[in-house]
N, C-alpha and C. Protein backbone atom coordinates (compact mmCIF):
# COMPACT_ATOMS: atom_id res chain seq x y z
N UNK A 1 -187.82 -63.33 170.63
CA UNK A 1 -186.92 -63.22 169.84
C UNK A 1 -186.45 -61.93 169.00
N UNK A 2 -185.04 -61.13 170.00
CA UNK A 2 -185.22 -59.79 169.42
C UNK A 2 -184.59 -60.18 167.72
N UNK A 3 -184.76 -59.29 167.04
CA UNK A 3 -184.15 -59.03 165.14
C UNK A 3 -182.59 -59.52 165.42
N UNK A 4 -181.94 -59.27 166.48
CA UNK A 4 -180.75 -59.49 166.66
C UNK A 4 -180.02 -60.97 166.64
N UNK A 5 -180.82 -61.22 167.80
CA UNK A 5 -180.65 -62.76 167.53
C UNK A 5 -180.84 -63.44 166.81
N UNK A 6 -182.43 -63.12 165.97
CA UNK A 6 -182.72 -64.17 165.05
C UNK A 6 -181.10 -64.03 163.38
N UNK A 7 -181.14 -62.61 163.50
CA UNK A 7 -179.81 -62.65 162.46
C UNK A 7 -178.87 -63.07 163.57
N UNK A 8 -178.61 -63.49 164.45
CA UNK A 8 -177.34 -64.38 164.69
C UNK A 8 -177.75 -65.61 164.36
N UNK A 9 -178.38 -66.01 164.67
CA UNK A 9 -178.99 -68.01 164.60
C UNK A 9 -179.15 -67.56 162.93
N UNK A 10 -179.64 -66.81 162.24
CA UNK A 10 -179.22 -67.18 160.89
C UNK A 10 -177.45 -67.24 160.31
N UNK A 11 -176.83 -65.90 160.75
CA UNK A 11 -175.38 -66.20 160.59
C UNK A 11 -175.10 -67.77 160.76
N UNK A 12 -175.35 -68.74 161.65
CA UNK A 12 -174.75 -69.24 162.07
C UNK A 12 -175.53 -70.55 161.40
N UNK A 13 -176.61 -70.53 161.09
CA UNK A 13 -177.03 -71.48 160.49
C UNK A 13 -176.58 -71.96 159.07
N UNK A 14 -176.52 -70.56 159.02
CA UNK A 14 -176.54 -70.81 156.92
C UNK A 14 -174.60 -71.19 157.28
N UNK A 15 -173.46 -70.82 158.11
CA UNK A 15 -172.40 -71.67 158.26
C UNK A 15 -172.60 -72.88 158.80
N UNK A 16 -172.85 -73.29 159.24
CA UNK A 16 -173.53 -75.20 159.70
C UNK A 16 -174.24 -75.93 157.90
N UNK A 17 -175.13 -75.11 157.60
CA UNK A 17 -175.52 -75.17 156.12
C UNK A 17 -173.71 -75.22 155.17
N UNK A 18 -173.07 -74.39 155.03
CA UNK A 18 -172.14 -74.41 153.94
C UNK A 18 -171.02 -75.20 154.30
N UNK A 19 -171.03 -75.46 155.73
CA UNK A 19 -170.19 -76.36 155.96
C UNK A 19 -170.39 -78.05 155.65
N UNK A 20 -171.85 -78.44 156.22
CA UNK A 20 -171.82 -79.40 155.30
C UNK A 20 -171.60 -79.70 154.29
N UNK A 21 -172.05 -79.08 153.30
CA UNK A 21 -171.95 -79.13 152.14
C UNK A 21 -170.34 -79.12 151.44
N UNK A 22 -169.24 -78.07 152.19
CA UNK A 22 -168.15 -78.06 151.71
C UNK A 22 -167.56 -79.61 152.08
N UNK A 23 -167.85 -80.29 153.62
CA UNK A 23 -167.99 -81.62 153.89
C UNK A 23 -167.53 -82.27 152.65
N UNK A 24 -169.46 -82.44 152.37
CA UNK A 24 -170.12 -83.77 151.24
C UNK A 24 -168.98 -83.14 150.45
N UNK A 25 -168.85 -82.52 149.90
CA UNK A 25 -168.12 -82.66 148.17
C UNK A 25 -166.57 -82.60 149.05
N UNK A 26 -166.10 -83.39 150.03
CA UNK A 26 -164.60 -83.72 150.69
C UNK A 26 -164.40 -84.88 150.16
N UNK A 27 -165.97 -85.55 150.97
CA UNK A 27 -165.61 -86.70 151.40
C UNK A 27 -165.96 -87.10 149.89
N UNK A 28 -166.48 -86.74 148.77
CA UNK A 28 -166.87 -87.31 147.29
C UNK A 28 -165.13 -86.95 146.69
N UNK A 29 -164.66 -85.76 146.85
CA UNK A 29 -163.46 -85.55 146.39
C UNK A 29 -162.43 -85.11 146.69
N UNK A 30 -161.55 -85.84 148.19
CA UNK A 30 -161.15 -84.94 148.47
C UNK A 30 -159.67 -84.22 148.28
N UNK A 31 -159.51 -84.16 147.17
CA UNK A 31 -158.85 -82.77 146.20
C UNK A 31 -159.66 -82.13 145.67
N UNK A 32 -160.62 -81.44 146.03
CA UNK A 32 -161.60 -80.43 145.82
C UNK A 32 -160.92 -79.23 146.26
N UNK A 33 -160.14 -78.24 145.72
CA UNK A 33 -159.35 -77.36 146.32
C UNK A 33 -160.50 -76.50 146.86
N UNK A 34 -161.24 -75.76 146.37
CA UNK A 34 -162.44 -75.42 147.06
C UNK A 34 -163.04 -75.81 147.92
N UNK A 35 -163.83 -76.93 147.88
CA UNK A 35 -164.16 -77.57 149.14
C UNK A 35 -163.34 -77.26 150.08
N UNK A 36 -162.09 -77.98 150.11
CA UNK A 36 -161.13 -77.86 151.12
C UNK A 36 -160.95 -76.06 152.22
N UNK A 37 -161.20 -75.39 151.12
CA UNK A 37 -160.89 -73.62 151.03
C UNK A 37 -162.06 -73.45 151.76
N UNK A 38 -163.55 -73.57 151.40
CA UNK A 38 -164.33 -73.17 151.95
C UNK A 38 -164.64 -73.77 153.30
N UNK A 39 -164.28 -75.07 153.91
CA UNK A 39 -164.35 -75.90 155.21
C UNK A 39 -163.61 -75.22 155.75
N UNK A 40 -162.26 -74.69 155.15
CA UNK A 40 -161.03 -74.17 156.38
C UNK A 40 -161.27 -72.36 156.74
N UNK A 41 -162.47 -72.12 156.07
CA UNK A 41 -162.69 -71.04 156.05
C UNK A 41 -163.77 -70.65 157.40
N UNK A 42 -164.95 -71.66 156.83
CA UNK A 42 -165.74 -72.08 157.73
C UNK A 42 -165.25 -72.11 159.59
N UNK A 43 -164.52 -73.20 159.54
CA UNK A 43 -163.76 -73.91 161.09
C UNK A 43 -163.31 -72.40 161.49
N UNK A 44 -162.38 -71.62 160.79
CA UNK A 44 -161.97 -70.45 161.21
C UNK A 44 -163.30 -69.33 161.75
N UNK A 45 -163.92 -69.63 161.31
CA UNK A 45 -165.60 -68.65 161.46
C UNK A 45 -165.66 -69.07 162.93
N UNK A 46 -166.05 -70.06 163.23
CA UNK A 46 -166.50 -71.37 164.29
C UNK A 46 -165.50 -71.12 165.72
N UNK A 47 -164.63 -70.84 165.52
CA UNK A 47 -163.17 -70.61 166.10
C UNK A 47 -163.31 -69.00 166.71
N UNK A 48 -164.13 -68.27 165.41
CA UNK A 48 -163.43 -66.98 166.25
C UNK A 48 -163.89 -65.89 166.41
N UNK A 49 -163.44 -64.74 167.19
CA UNK A 49 -164.66 -64.10 167.85
C UNK A 49 -165.39 -63.15 167.81
N UNK A 50 -165.74 -63.38 166.53
CA UNK A 50 -167.64 -62.78 165.69
C UNK A 50 -168.40 -63.65 165.99
N UNK A 51 -167.82 -65.10 166.27
CA UNK A 51 -168.78 -66.41 166.64
C UNK A 51 -168.97 -66.25 167.39
N UNK A 52 -168.34 -66.08 168.58
CA UNK A 52 -168.44 -65.88 170.09
C UNK A 52 -168.64 -64.46 170.52
N UNK A 53 -168.93 -63.59 169.80
CA UNK A 53 -170.42 -62.69 169.17
C UNK A 53 -171.52 -62.95 169.44
N UNK A 54 -171.58 -63.55 168.62
CA UNK A 54 -173.27 -64.12 167.95
C UNK A 54 -173.51 -64.49 168.95
N UNK A 55 -173.21 -65.94 169.55
CA UNK A 55 -173.87 -67.06 170.51
C UNK A 55 -172.87 -67.39 171.57
N UNK A 56 -173.37 -68.04 172.45
CA UNK A 56 -172.55 -69.13 173.32
C UNK A 56 -172.37 -70.32 173.55
N UNK A 57 -172.82 -71.02 172.40
CA UNK A 57 -172.04 -71.96 172.16
C UNK A 57 -171.13 -72.60 171.66
N UNK A 58 -170.64 -73.53 172.50
CA UNK A 58 -169.12 -73.84 172.00
C UNK A 58 -168.78 -73.96 170.21
N UNK A 59 -168.21 -73.49 169.30
CA UNK A 59 -167.77 -73.48 168.44
C UNK A 59 -167.13 -74.80 167.68
N UNK A 60 -166.33 -75.50 168.98
CA UNK A 60 -165.49 -76.59 168.51
C UNK A 60 -166.65 -77.94 168.73
N UNK A 61 -167.18 -77.53 169.25
CA UNK A 61 -168.61 -78.43 169.60
C UNK A 61 -169.49 -78.27 168.32
N UNK A 62 -169.40 -77.61 167.91
CA UNK A 62 -170.66 -76.99 166.35
C UNK A 62 -169.42 -78.00 165.39
N UNK A 63 -168.32 -78.06 165.22
CA UNK A 63 -167.29 -77.93 164.47
C UNK A 63 -167.78 -79.79 164.49
N UNK A 64 -167.53 -80.57 165.54
CA UNK A 64 -167.55 -82.15 165.92
C UNK A 64 -168.05 -82.44 165.60
N UNK A 65 -169.34 -81.91 166.24
CA UNK A 65 -171.16 -82.19 165.31
C UNK A 65 -171.17 -82.45 164.35
N UNK A 66 -170.95 -81.19 163.48
CA UNK A 66 -171.19 -81.09 162.14
C UNK A 66 -170.28 -82.47 161.32
N UNK A 67 -169.09 -82.74 162.03
CA UNK A 67 -168.15 -83.60 160.83
C UNK A 67 -168.21 -85.60 161.35
N UNK A 68 -169.19 -85.13 162.22
CA UNK A 68 -169.90 -86.57 163.01
C UNK A 68 -171.02 -87.04 162.19
N UNK A 69 -171.58 -85.99 161.48
CA UNK A 69 -173.11 -86.42 160.73
C UNK A 69 -172.14 -86.85 159.33
N UNK A 70 -173.18 -87.64 159.09
CA UNK A 70 -173.20 -88.65 157.88
C UNK A 70 -173.72 -87.77 156.55
């Protein structure tokens, strides 16, 4: 795996971790505006052109799978 591919994977993995954290905070407190803003920002990332440049994995599928997790 080349360094650029490793970097792209690391960016996506970190976004997924951050998304899980934001969703967990929202489950505990649905009125948490900071967690809501973070989740919305990461939603936009997974739907962005930049995300599509990093990977061929469908961003909508990633969002759906992360939301299904407990």
